[in-house]
Amino acid sequence: TAVYYCAARTDAYYGGSTSTQYHYWGQ
């Protein structure tokens, strides 16, 4: 149980597991 977020980054082929490396977030 949680709020699930989609995140995106455009500076890497594979984004990895660190949330701060993602630049864009859904609601």
mmCIF file of all heavy atoms, coordinates in Angstrom:
data_MODEL
# 
_entry.id   MODEL 
# 
loop_
_atom_site.group_PDB 
_atom_site.id 
_atom_site.type_symbol 
_atom_site.label_atom_id 
_atom_site.label_alt_id 
_atom_site.label_comp_id 
_atom_site.label_asym_id 
_atom_site.label_entity_id 
_atom_site.label_seq_id 
_atom_site.pdbx_PDB_ins_code 
_atom_site.Cartn_x 
_atom_site.Cartn_y 
_atom_site.Cartn_z 
_atom_site.occupancy 
_atom_site.B_iso_or_equiv 
_atom_site.pdbx_formal_charge 
_atom_site.auth_seq_id 
_atom_site.auth_comp_id 
_atom_site.auth_asym_id 
_atom_site.auth_atom_id 
_atom_site.pdbx_PDB_model_num 
ATOM 1   N N   . THR A 1 1  ? 0.830  -1.195 0.000   1.00 0.00 ? 1  THR A N   1 
ATOM 2   C CA  . THR A 1 1  ? 0.000  0.000  0.000   1.00 0.00 ? 1  THR A CA  1 
ATOM 3   C C   . THR A 1 1  ? 0.869  1.251  0.000   1.00 0.00 ? 1  THR A C   1 
ATOM 4   O O   . THR A 1 1  ? 1.729  1.420  0.863   1.00 0.00 ? 1  THR A O   1 
ATOM 5   C CB  . THR A 1 1  ? -0.929 0.012  1.211   1.00 0.00 ? 1  THR A CB  1 
ATOM 6   O OG1 . THR A 1 1  ? -1.847 -1.088 1.113   1.00 0.00 ? 1  THR A OG1 1 
ATOM 7   C CG2 . THR A 1 1  ? -1.724 1.303  1.283   1.00 0.00 ? 1  THR A CG2 1 
ATOM 8   N N   . ALA A 1 2  ? 0.656  2.116  -0.980  1.00 0.00 ? 2  ALA A N   1 
ATOM 9   C CA  . ALA A 1 2  ? 1.457  3.325  -1.128  1.00 0.00 ? 2  ALA A CA  1 
ATOM 10  C C   . ALA A 1 2  ? 0.924  4.128  -2.308  1.00 0.00 ? 2  ALA A C   1 
ATOM 11  O O   . ALA A 1 2  ? 0.094  3.649  -3.074  1.00 0.00 ? 2  ALA A O   1 
ATOM 12  C CB  . ALA A 1 2  ? 2.932  2.985  -1.363  1.00 0.00 ? 2  ALA A CB  1 
ATOM 13  N N   . VAL A 1 3  ? 1.443  5.335  -2.444  1.00 0.00 ? 3  VAL A N   1 
ATOM 14  C CA  . VAL A 1 3  ? 1.268  6.081  -3.677  1.00 0.00 ? 3  VAL A CA  1 
ATOM 15  C C   . VAL A 1 3  ? 2.411  5.691  -4.606  1.00 0.00 ? 3  VAL A C   1 
ATOM 16  O O   . VAL A 1 3  ? 3.579  5.775  -4.229  1.00 0.00 ? 3  VAL A O   1 
ATOM 17  C CB  . VAL A 1 3  ? 1.266  7.597  -3.442  1.00 0.00 ? 3  VAL A CB  1 
ATOM 18  C CG1 . VAL A 1 3  ? 1.170  8.343  -4.765  1.00 0.00 ? 3  VAL A CG1 1 
ATOM 19  C CG2 . VAL A 1 3  ? 0.103  7.984  -2.537  1.00 0.00 ? 3  VAL A CG2 1 
ATOM 20  N N   . TYR A 1 4  ? 2.077  5.263  -5.802  1.00 0.00 ? 4  TYR A N   1 
ATOM 21  C CA  . TYR A 1 4  ? 3.071  4.831  -6.771  1.00 0.00 ? 4  TYR A CA  1 
ATOM 22  C C   . TYR A 1 4  ? 3.310  5.933  -7.794  1.00 0.00 ? 4  TYR A C   1 
ATOM 23  O O   . TYR A 1 4  ? 2.364  6.485  -8.363  1.00 0.00 ? 4  TYR A O   1 
ATOM 24  C CB  . TYR A 1 4  ? 2.617  3.545  -7.468  1.00 0.00 ? 4  TYR A CB  1 
ATOM 25  C CG  . TYR A 1 4  ? 2.793  2.329  -6.593  1.00 0.00 ? 4  TYR A CG  1 
ATOM 26  C CD1 . TYR A 1 4  ? 1.979  2.129  -5.489  1.00 0.00 ? 4  TYR A CD1 1 
ATOM 27  C CD2 . TYR A 1 4  ? 3.797  1.399  -6.853  1.00 0.00 ? 4  TYR A CD2 1 
ATOM 28  C CE1 . TYR A 1 4  ? 2.152  1.029  -4.662  1.00 0.00 ? 4  TYR A CE1 1 
ATOM 29  C CE2 . TYR A 1 4  ? 3.974  0.297  -6.036  1.00 0.00 ? 4  TYR A CE2 1 
ATOM 30  C CZ  . TYR A 1 4  ? 3.154  0.116  -4.942  1.00 0.00 ? 4  TYR A CZ  1 
ATOM 31  O OH  . TYR A 1 4  ? 3.329  -0.986 -4.131  1.00 0.00 ? 4  TYR A OH  1 
ATOM 32  N N   . TYR A 1 5  ? 4.577  6.239  -8.014  1.00 0.00 ? 5  TYR A N   1 
ATOM 33  C CA  . TYR A 1 5  ? 4.974  7.312  -8.911  1.00 0.00 ? 5  TYR A CA  1 
ATOM 34  C C   . TYR A 1 5  ? 5.767  6.773  -10.091 1.00 0.00 ? 5  TYR A C   1 
ATOM 35  O O   . TYR A 1 5  ? 6.638  5.918  -9.929  1.00 0.00 ? 5  TYR A O   1 
ATOM 36  C CB  . TYR A 1 5  ? 5.853  8.329  -8.185  1.00 0.00 ? 5  TYR A CB  1 
ATOM 37  C CG  . TYR A 1 5  ? 5.155  9.095  -7.096  1.00 0.00 ? 5  TYR A CG  1 
ATOM 38  C CD1 . TYR A 1 5  ? 5.175  8.645  -5.782  1.00 0.00 ? 5  TYR A CD1 1 
ATOM 39  C CD2 . TYR A 1 5  ? 4.480  10.277 -7.378  1.00 0.00 ? 5  TYR A CD2 1 
ATOM 40  C CE1 . TYR A 1 5  ? 4.542  9.347  -4.773  1.00 0.00 ? 5  TYR A CE1 1 
ATOM 41  C CE2 . TYR A 1 5  ? 3.844  10.983 -6.378  1.00 0.00 ? 5  TYR A CE2 1 
ATOM 42  C CZ  . TYR A 1 5  ? 3.880  10.513 -5.075  1.00 0.00 ? 5  TYR A CZ  1 
ATOM 43  O OH  . TYR A 1 5  ? 3.252  11.217 -4.079  1.00 0.00 ? 5  TYR A OH  1 
ATOM 44  N N   . CYS A 1 6  ? 5.491  7.302  -11.246 1.00 0.00 ? 6  CYS A N   1 
ATOM 45  C CA  . CYS A 1 6  ? 6.306  7.091  -12.430 1.00 0.00 ? 6  CYS A CA  1 
ATOM 46  C C   . CYS A 1 6  ? 7.310  8.228  -12.524 1.00 0.00 ? 6  CYS A C   1 
ATOM 47  O O   . CYS A 1 6  ? 6.962  9.391  -12.299 1.00 0.00 ? 6  CYS A O   1 
ATOM 48  C CB  . CYS A 1 6  ? 5.408  7.056  -13.665 1.00 0.00 ? 6  CYS A CB  1 
ATOM 49  S SG  . CYS A 1 6  ? 6.277  6.857  -15.230 1.00 0.00 ? 6  CYS A SG  1 
ATOM 50  N N   . ALA A 1 7  ? 8.550  7.897  -12.839 1.00 0.00 ? 7  ALA A N   1 
ATOM 51  C CA  . ALA A 1 7  ? 9.606  8.890  -12.969 1.00 0.00 ? 7  ALA A CA  1 
ATOM 52  C C   . ALA A 1 7  ? 10.381 8.661  -14.259 1.00 0.00 ? 7  ALA A C   1 
ATOM 53  O O   . ALA A 1 7  ? 10.416 7.547  -14.782 1.00 0.00 ? 7  ALA A O   1 
ATOM 54  C CB  . ALA A 1 7  ? 10.553 8.818  -11.771 1.00 0.00 ? 7  ALA A CB  1 
ATOM 55  N N   . ALA A 1 8  ? 11.013 9.712  -14.756 1.00 0.00 ? 8  ALA A N   1 
ATOM 56  C CA  . ALA A 1 8  ? 11.737 9.623  -16.019 1.00 0.00 ? 8  ALA A CA  1 
ATOM 57  C C   . ALA A 1 8  ? 13.023 10.425 -15.977 1.00 0.00 ? 8  ALA A C   1 
ATOM 58  O O   . ALA A 1 8  ? 13.136 11.415 -15.253 1.00 0.00 ? 8  ALA A O   1 
ATOM 59  C CB  . ALA A 1 8  ? 10.861 10.112 -17.172 1.00 0.00 ? 8  ALA A CB  1 
ATOM 60  N N   . ARG A 1 9  ? 13.985 9.988  -16.762 1.00 0.00 ? 9  ARG A N   1 
ATOM 61  C CA  . ARG A 1 9  ? 15.203 10.747 -16.991 1.00 0.00 ? 9  ARG A CA  1 
ATOM 62  C C   . ARG A 1 9  ? 15.608 10.570 -18.443 1.00 0.00 ? 9  ARG A C   1 
ATOM 63  O O   . ARG A 1 9  ? 15.334 9.526  -19.046 1.00 0.00 ? 9  ARG A O   1 
ATOM 64  C CB  . ARG A 1 9  ? 16.323 10.327 -16.039 1.00 0.00 ? 9  ARG A CB  1 
ATOM 65  C CG  . ARG A 1 9  ? 16.731 8.877  -16.151 1.00 0.00 ? 9  ARG A CG  1 
ATOM 66  C CD  . ARG A 1 9  ? 17.715 8.467  -15.053 1.00 0.00 ? 9  ARG A CD  1 
ATOM 67  N NE  . ARG A 1 9  ? 18.978 9.185  -15.138 1.00 0.00 ? 9  ARG A NE  1 
ATOM 68  C CZ  . ARG A 1 9  ? 20.033 8.948  -14.348 1.00 0.00 ? 9  ARG A CZ  1 
ATOM 69  N NH1 . ARG A 1 9  ? 19.960 8.008  -13.422 1.00 0.00 ? 9  ARG A NH1 1 
ATOM 70  N NH2 . ARG A 1 9  ? 21.145 9.655  -14.490 1.00 0.00 ? 9  ARG A NH2 1 
ATOM 71  N N   . THR A 1 10 ? 16.249 11.576 -18.991 1.00 0.00 ? 10 THR A N   1 
ATOM 72  C CA  . THR A 1 10 ? 16.635 11.567 -20.394 1.00 0.00 ? 10 THR A CA  1 
ATOM 73  C C   . THR A 1 10 ? 18.139 11.544 -20.582 1.00 0.00 ? 10 THR A C   1 
ATOM 74  O O   . THR A 1 10 ? 18.613 11.566 -21.717 1.00 0.00 ? 10 THR A O   1 
ATOM 75  C CB  . THR A 1 10 ? 16.056 12.786 -21.120 1.00 0.00 ? 10 THR A CB  1 
ATOM 76  O OG1 . THR A 1 10 ? 16.544 13.979 -20.507 1.00 0.00 ? 10 THR A OG1 1 
ATOM 77  C CG2 . THR A 1 10 ? 14.534 12.769 -21.055 1.00 0.00 ? 10 THR A CG2 1 
ATOM 78  N N   . ASP A 1 11 ? 18.898 11.486 -19.500 1.00 0.00 ? 11 ASP A N   1 
ATOM 79  C CA  . ASP A 1 11 ? 20.353 11.563 -19.563 1.00 0.00 ? 11 ASP A CA  1 
ATOM 80  C C   . ASP A 1 11 ? 21.042 10.223 -19.369 1.00 0.00 ? 11 ASP A C   1 
ATOM 81  O O   . ASP A 1 11 ? 22.268 10.179 -19.232 1.00 0.00 ? 11 ASP A O   1 
ATOM 82  C CB  . ASP A 1 11 ? 20.878 12.564 -18.528 1.00 0.00 ? 11 ASP A CB  1 
ATOM 83  C CG  . ASP A 1 11 ? 20.523 12.191 -17.105 1.00 0.00 ? 11 ASP A CG  1 
ATOM 84  O OD1 . ASP A 1 11 ? 19.601 11.381 -16.900 1.00 0.00 ? 11 ASP A OD1 1 
ATOM 85  O OD2 . ASP A 1 11 ? 21.171 12.725 -16.187 1.00 0.00 ? 11 ASP A OD2 1 
ATOM 86  N N   . ALA A 1 12 ? 20.293 9.145  -19.351 1.00 0.00 ? 12 ALA A N   1 
ATOM 87  C CA  . ALA A 1 12 ? 20.864 7.820  -19.178 1.00 0.00 ? 12 ALA A CA  1 
ATOM 88  C C   . ALA A 1 12 ? 19.986 6.795  -19.866 1.00 0.00 ? 12 ALA A C   1 
ATOM 89  O O   . ALA A 1 12 ? 18.757 6.933  -19.889 1.00 0.00 ? 12 ALA A O   1 
ATOM 90  C CB  . ALA A 1 12 ? 21.024 7.469  -17.706 1.00 0.00 ? 12 ALA A CB  1 
ATOM 91  N N   . TYR A 1 13 ? 20.602 5.773  -20.395 1.00 0.00 ? 13 TYR A N   1 
ATOM 92  C CA  . TYR A 1 13 ? 19.873 4.697  -21.054 1.00 0.00 ? 13 TYR A CA  1 
ATOM 93  C C   . TYR A 1 13 ? 19.044 3.902  -20.051 1.00 0.00 ? 13 TYR A C   1 
ATOM 94  O O   . TYR A 1 13 ? 17.893 3.528  -20.330 1.00 0.00 ? 13 TYR A O   1 
ATOM 95  C CB  . TYR A 1 13 ? 20.861 3.788  -21.773 1.00 0.00 ? 13 TYR A CB  1 
ATOM 96  C CG  . TYR A 1 13 ? 20.253 2.605  -22.474 1.00 0.00 ? 13 TYR A CG  1 
ATOM 97  C CD1 . TYR A 1 13 ? 19.598 2.754  -23.691 1.00 0.00 ? 13 TYR A CD1 1 
ATOM 98  C CD2 . TYR A 1 13 ? 20.359 1.326  -21.935 1.00 0.00 ? 13 TYR A CD2 1 
ATOM 99  C CE1 . TYR A 1 13 ? 19.056 1.666  -24.346 1.00 0.00 ? 13 TYR A CE1 1 
ATOM 100 C CE2 . TYR A 1 13 ? 19.817 0.233  -22.590 1.00 0.00 ? 13 TYR A CE2 1 
ATOM 101 C CZ  . TYR A 1 13 ? 19.166 0.409  -23.791 1.00 0.00 ? 13 TYR A CZ  1 
ATOM 102 O OH  . TYR A 1 13 ? 18.628 -0.685 -24.435 1.00 0.00 ? 13 TYR A OH  1 
ATOM 103 N N   . TYR A 1 14 ? 19.621 3.659  -18.883 1.00 0.00 ? 14 TYR A N   1 
ATOM 104 C CA  . TYR A 1 14 ? 18.946 2.963  -17.798 1.00 0.00 ? 14 TYR A CA  1 
ATOM 105 C C   . TYR A 1 14 ? 19.009 3.844  -16.560 1.00 0.00 ? 14 TYR A C   1 
ATOM 106 O O   . TYR A 1 14 ? 20.089 4.312  -16.191 1.00 0.00 ? 14 TYR A O   1 
ATOM 107 C CB  . TYR A 1 14 ? 19.622 1.621  -17.533 1.00 0.00 ? 14 TYR A CB  1 
ATOM 108 C CG  . TYR A 1 14 ? 19.073 0.878  -16.349 1.00 0.00 ? 14 TYR A CG  1 
ATOM 109 C CD1 . TYR A 1 14 ? 17.836 0.243  -16.410 1.00 0.00 ? 14 TYR A CD1 1 
ATOM 110 C CD2 . TYR A 1 14 ? 19.798 0.807  -15.159 1.00 0.00 ? 14 TYR A CD2 1 
ATOM 111 C CE1 . TYR A 1 14 ? 17.327 -0.444 -15.321 1.00 0.00 ? 14 TYR A CE1 1 
ATOM 112 C CE2 . TYR A 1 14 ? 19.292 0.118  -14.065 1.00 0.00 ? 14 TYR A CE2 1 
ATOM 113 C CZ  . TYR A 1 14 ? 18.059 -0.507 -14.148 1.00 0.00 ? 14 TYR A CZ  1 
ATOM 114 O OH  . TYR A 1 14 ? 17.559 -1.186 -13.070 1.00 0.00 ? 14 TYR A OH  1 
ATOM 115 N N   . GLY A 1 15 ? 17.880 4.074  -15.918 1.00 0.00 ? 15 GLY A N   1 
ATOM 116 C CA  . GLY A 1 15 ? 17.800 5.084  -14.883 1.00 0.00 ? 15 GLY A CA  1 
ATOM 117 C C   . GLY A 1 15 ? 18.333 4.698  -13.530 1.00 0.00 ? 15 GLY A C   1 
ATOM 118 O O   . GLY A 1 15 ? 18.788 5.572  -12.783 1.00 0.00 ? 15 GLY A O   1 
ATOM 119 N N   . GLY A 1 16 ? 18.245 3.423  -13.171 1.00 0.00 ? 16 GLY A N   1 
ATOM 120 C CA  . GLY A 1 16 ? 18.723 2.999  -11.875 1.00 0.00 ? 16 GLY A CA  1 
ATOM 121 C C   . GLY A 1 16 ? 17.715 3.217  -10.767 1.00 0.00 ? 16 GLY A C   1 
ATOM 122 O O   . GLY A 1 16 ? 16.554 3.565  -10.993 1.00 0.00 ? 16 GLY A O   1 
ATOM 123 N N   . SER A 1 17 ? 18.154 3.023  -9.535  1.00 0.00 ? 17 SER A N   1 
ATOM 124 C CA  . SER A 1 17 ? 17.277 2.955  -8.379  1.00 0.00 ? 17 SER A CA  1 
ATOM 125 C C   . SER A 1 17 ? 17.282 4.182  -7.481  1.00 0.00 ? 17 SER A C   1 
ATOM 126 O O   . SER A 1 17 ? 16.570 4.196  -6.473  1.00 0.00 ? 17 SER A O   1 
ATOM 127 C CB  . SER A 1 17 ? 17.651 1.732  -7.532  1.00 0.00 ? 17 SER A CB  1 
ATOM 128 O OG  . SER A 1 17 ? 18.984 1.829  -7.055  1.00 0.00 ? 17 SER A OG  1 
ATOM 129 N N   . THR A 1 18 ? 18.037 5.206  -7.829  1.00 0.00 ? 18 THR A N   1 
ATOM 130 C CA  . THR A 1 18 ? 18.148 6.389  -6.988  1.00 0.00 ? 18 THR A CA  1 
ATOM 131 C C   . THR A 1 18 ? 17.161 7.451  -7.441  1.00 0.00 ? 18 THR A C   1 
ATOM 132 O O   . THR A 1 18 ? 17.259 7.961  -8.558  1.00 0.00 ? 18 THR A O   1 
ATOM 133 C CB  . THR A 1 18 ? 19.576 6.941  -7.019  1.00 0.00 ? 18 THR A CB  1 
ATOM 134 O OG1 . THR A 1 18 ? 20.494 5.928  -6.613  1.00 0.00 ? 18 THR A OG1 1 
ATOM 135 C CG2 . THR A 1 18 ? 19.704 8.141  -6.097  1.00 0.00 ? 18 THR A CG2 1 
ATOM 136 N N   . SER A 1 19 ? 16.233 7.799  -6.581  1.00 0.00 ? 19 SER A N   1 
ATOM 137 C CA  . SER A 1 19 ? 15.158 8.706  -6.973  1.00 0.00 ? 19 SER A CA  1 
ATOM 138 C C   . SER A 1 19 ? 15.655 10.080 -7.385  1.00 0.00 ? 19 SER A C   1 
ATOM 139 O O   . SER A 1 19 ? 15.078 10.705 -8.286  1.00 0.00 ? 19 SER A O   1 
ATOM 140 C CB  . SER A 1 19 ? 14.134 8.831  -5.840  1.00 0.00 ? 19 SER A CB  1 
ATOM 141 O OG  . SER A 1 19 ? 14.732 9.388  -4.679  1.00 0.00 ? 19 SER A OG  1 
ATOM 142 N N   . THR A 1 20 ? 16.733 10.554 -6.767  1.00 0.00 ? 20 THR A N   1 
ATOM 143 C CA  . THR A 1 20 ? 17.233 11.893 -7.064  1.00 0.00 ? 20 THR A CA  1 
ATOM 144 C C   . THR A 1 20 ? 17.845 12.003 -8.454  1.00 0.00 ? 20 THR A C   1 
ATOM 145 O O   . THR A 1 20 ? 18.083 13.116 -8.925  1.00 0.00 ? 20 THR A O   1 
ATOM 146 C CB  . THR A 1 20 ? 18.260 12.337 -6.022  1.00 0.00 ? 20 THR A CB  1 
ATOM 147 O OG1 . THR A 1 20 ? 19.302 11.361 -5.928  1.00 0.00 ? 20 THR A OG1 1 
ATOM 148 C CG2 . THR A 1 20 ? 17.600 12.504 -4.658  1.00 0.00 ? 20 THR A CG2 1 
ATOM 149 N N   . GLN A 1 21 ? 18.097 10.884 -9.107  1.00 0.00 ? 21 GLN A N   1 
ATOM 150 C CA  . GLN A 1 21 ? 18.648 10.903 -10.454 1.00 0.00 ? 21 GLN A CA  1 
ATOM 151 C C   . GLN A 1 21 ? 17.574 11.079 -11.527 1.00 0.00 ? 21 GLN A C   1 
ATOM 152 O O   . GLN A 1 21 ? 17.904 11.289 -12.694 1.00 0.00 ? 21 GLN A O   1 
ATOM 153 C CB  . GLN A 1 21 ? 19.431 9.619  -10.728 1.00 0.00 ? 21 GLN A CB  1 
ATOM 154 C CG  . GLN A 1 21 ? 20.651 9.450  -9.833  1.00 0.00 ? 21 GLN A CG  1 
ATOM 155 C CD  . GLN A 1 21 ? 21.653 10.567 -10.032 1.00 0.00 ? 21 GLN A CD  1 
ATOM 156 O OE1 . GLN A 1 21 ? 22.091 10.831 -11.157 1.00 0.00 ? 21 GLN A OE1 1 
ATOM 157 N NE2 . GLN A 1 21 ? 22.021 11.238 -8.945  1.00 0.00 ? 21 GLN A NE2 1 
ATOM 158 N N   . TYR A 1 22 ? 16.331 10.985 -11.146 1.00 0.00 ? 22 TYR A N   1 
ATOM 159 C CA  . TYR A 1 22 ? 15.220 11.163 -12.080 1.00 0.00 ? 22 TYR A CA  1 
ATOM 160 C C   . TYR A 1 22 ? 14.762 12.612 -12.082 1.00 0.00 ? 22 TYR A C   1 
ATOM 161 O O   . TYR A 1 22 ? 14.624 13.235 -11.025 1.00 0.00 ? 22 TYR A O   1 
ATOM 162 C CB  . TYR A 1 22 ? 14.070 10.227 -11.731 1.00 0.00 ? 22 TYR A CB  1 
ATOM 163 C CG  . TYR A 1 22 ? 14.374 8.775  -12.017 1.00 0.00 ? 22 TYR A CG  1 
ATOM 164 C CD1 . TYR A 1 22 ? 15.097 8.002  -11.111 1.00 0.00 ? 22 TYR A CD1 1 
ATOM 165 C CD2 . TYR A 1 22 ? 13.941 8.182  -13.197 1.00 0.00 ? 22 TYR A CD2 1 
ATOM 166 C CE1 . TYR A 1 22 ? 15.390 6.677  -11.385 1.00 0.00 ? 22 TYR A CE1 1 
ATOM 167 C CE2 . TYR A 1 22 ? 14.225 6.856  -13.470 1.00 0.00 ? 22 TYR A CE2 1 
ATOM 168 C CZ  . TYR A 1 22 ? 14.955 6.105  -12.561 1.00 0.00 ? 22 TYR A CZ  1 
ATOM 169 O OH  . TYR A 1 22 ? 15.239 4.781  -12.829 1.00 0.00 ? 22 TYR A OH  1 
ATOM 170 N N   . HIS A 1 23 ? 14.509 13.135 -13.263 1.00 0.00 ? 23 HIS A N   1 
ATOM 171 C CA  . HIS A 1 23 ? 14.231 14.559 -13.424 1.00 0.00 ? 23 HIS A CA  1 
ATOM 172 C C   . HIS A 1 23 ? 12.758 14.900 -13.512 1.00 0.00 ? 23 HIS A C   1 
ATOM 173 O O   . HIS A 1 23 ? 12.370 16.050 -13.256 1.00 0.00 ? 23 HIS A O   1 
ATOM 174 C CB  . HIS A 1 23 ? 14.935 15.079 -14.681 1.00 0.00 ? 23 HIS A CB  1 
ATOM 175 C CG  . HIS A 1 23 ? 16.387 14.733 -14.738 1.00 0.00 ? 23 HIS A CG  1 
ATOM 176 N ND1 . HIS A 1 23 ? 16.984 14.204 -15.864 1.00 0.00 ? 23 HIS A ND1 1 
ATOM 177 C CD2 . HIS A 1 23 ? 17.366 14.834 -13.805 1.00 0.00 ? 23 HIS A CD2 1 
ATOM 178 C CE1 . HIS A 1 23 ? 18.264 13.998 -15.624 1.00 0.00 ? 23 HIS A CE1 1 
ATOM 179 N NE2 . HIS A 1 23 ? 18.525 14.376 -14.387 1.00 0.00 ? 23 HIS A NE2 1 
ATOM 180 N N   . TYR A 1 24 ? 11.935 13.939 -13.880 1.00 0.00 ? 24 TYR A N   1 
ATOM 181 C CA  . TYR A 1 24 ? 10.518 14.192 -14.103 1.00 0.00 ? 24 TYR A CA  1 
ATOM 182 C C   . TYR A 1 24 ? 9.686  13.176 -13.349 1.00 0.00 ? 24 TYR A C   1 
ATOM 183 O O   . TYR A 1 24 ? 10.032 11.993 -13.277 1.00 0.00 ? 24 TYR A O   1 
ATOM 184 C CB  . TYR A 1 24 ? 10.198 14.133 -15.599 1.00 0.00 ? 24 TYR A CB  1 
ATOM 185 C CG  . TYR A 1 24 ? 11.076 15.036 -16.428 1.00 0.00 ? 24 TYR A CG  1 
ATOM 186 C CD1 . TYR A 1 24 ? 12.179 14.533 -17.106 1.00 0.00 ? 24 TYR A CD1 1 
ATOM 187 C CD2 . TYR A 1 24 ? 10.815 16.402 -16.522 1.00 0.00 ? 24 TYR A CD2 1 
ATOM 188 C CE1 . TYR A 1 24 ? 12.996 15.363 -17.855 1.00 0.00 ? 24 TYR A CE1 1 
ATOM 189 C CE2 . TYR A 1 24 ? 11.630 17.233 -17.261 1.00 0.00 ? 24 TYR A CE2 1 
ATOM 190 C CZ  . TYR A 1 24 ? 12.720 16.708 -17.925 1.00 0.00 ? 24 TYR A CZ  1 
ATOM 191 O OH  . TYR A 1 24 ? 13.536 17.536 -18.670 1.00 0.00 ? 24 TYR A OH  1 
ATOM 192 N N   . TRP A 1 25 ? 8.562  13.642 -12.819 1.00 0.00 ? 25 TRP A N   1 
ATOM 193 C CA  . TRP A 1 25 ? 7.704  12.807 -11.981 1.00 0.00 ? 25 TRP A CA  1 
ATOM 194 C C   . TRP A 1 25 ? 6.247  13.004 -12.319 1.00 0.00 ? 25 TRP A C   1 
ATOM 195 O O   . TRP A 1 25 ? 5.820  14.121 -12.633 1.00 0.00 ? 25 TRP A O   1 
ATOM 196 C CB  . TRP A 1 25 ? 7.923  13.134 -10.502 1.00 0.00 ? 25 TRP A CB  1 
ATOM 197 C CG  . TRP A 1 25 ? 9.283  12.772 -10.022 1.00 0.00 ? 25 TRP A CG  1 
ATOM 198 C CD1 . TRP A 1 25 ? 10.413 13.519 -10.135 1.00 0.00 ? 25 TRP A CD1 1 
ATOM 199 C CD2 . TRP A 1 25 ? 9.648  11.554 -9.362  1.00 0.00 ? 25 TRP A CD2 1 
ATOM 200 N NE1 . TRP A 1 25 ? 11.482 12.840 -9.580  1.00 0.00 ? 25 TRP A NE1 1 
ATOM 201 C CE2 . TRP A 1 25 ? 11.039 11.643 -9.100  1.00 0.00 ? 25 TRP A CE2 1 
ATOM 202 C CE3 . TRP A 1 25 ? 8.950  10.420 -8.965  1.00 0.00 ? 25 TRP A CE3 1 
ATOM 203 C CZ2 . TRP A 1 25 ? 11.739 10.617 -8.459  1.00 0.00 ? 25 TRP A CZ2 1 
ATOM 204 C CZ3 . TRP A 1 25 ? 9.635  9.405  -8.328  1.00 0.00 ? 25 TRP A CZ3 1 
ATOM 205 C CH2 . TRP A 1 25 ? 11.014 9.509  -8.080  1.00 0.00 ? 25 TRP A CH2 1 
ATOM 206 N N   . GLY A 1 26 ? 5.490  11.924 -12.245 1.00 0.00 ? 26 GLY A N   1 
ATOM 207 C CA  . GLY A 1 26 ? 4.056  12.012 -12.376 1.00 0.00 ? 26 GLY A CA  1 
ATOM 208 C C   . GLY A 1 26 ? 3.403  12.413 -11.065 1.00 0.00 ? 26 GLY A C   1 
ATOM 209 O O   . GLY A 1 26 ? 4.066  12.657 -10.053 1.00 0.00 ? 26 GLY A O   1 
ATOM 210 N N   . GLN A 1 27 ? 2.084  12.468 -11.083 1.00 0.00 ? 27 GLN A N   1 
ATOM 211 C CA  . GLN A 1 27 ? 1.330  12.926 -9.912  1.00 0.00 ? 27 GLN A CA  1 
ATOM 212 C C   . GLN A 1 27 ? 1.104  11.831 -8.882  1.00 0.00 ? 27 GLN A C   1 
ATOM 213 O O   . GLN A 1 27 ? 0.709  12.119 -7.749  1.00 0.00 ? 27 GLN A O   1 
ATOM 214 C CB  . GLN A 1 27 ? -0.018 13.498 -10.365 1.00 0.00 ? 27 GLN A CB  1 
ATOM 215 C CG  . GLN A 1 27 ? -1.124 12.474 -10.622 1.00 0.00 ? 27 GLN A CG  1 
ATOM 216 C CD  . GLN A 1 27 ? -0.929 11.658 -11.898 1.00 0.00 ? 27 GLN A CD  1 
ATOM 217 O OE1 . GLN A 1 27 ? -0.064 11.952 -12.727 1.00 0.00 ? 27 GLN A OE1 1 
ATOM 218 N NE2 . GLN A 1 27 ? -1.747 10.628 -12.058 1.00 0.00 ? 27 GLN A NE2 1 
# 
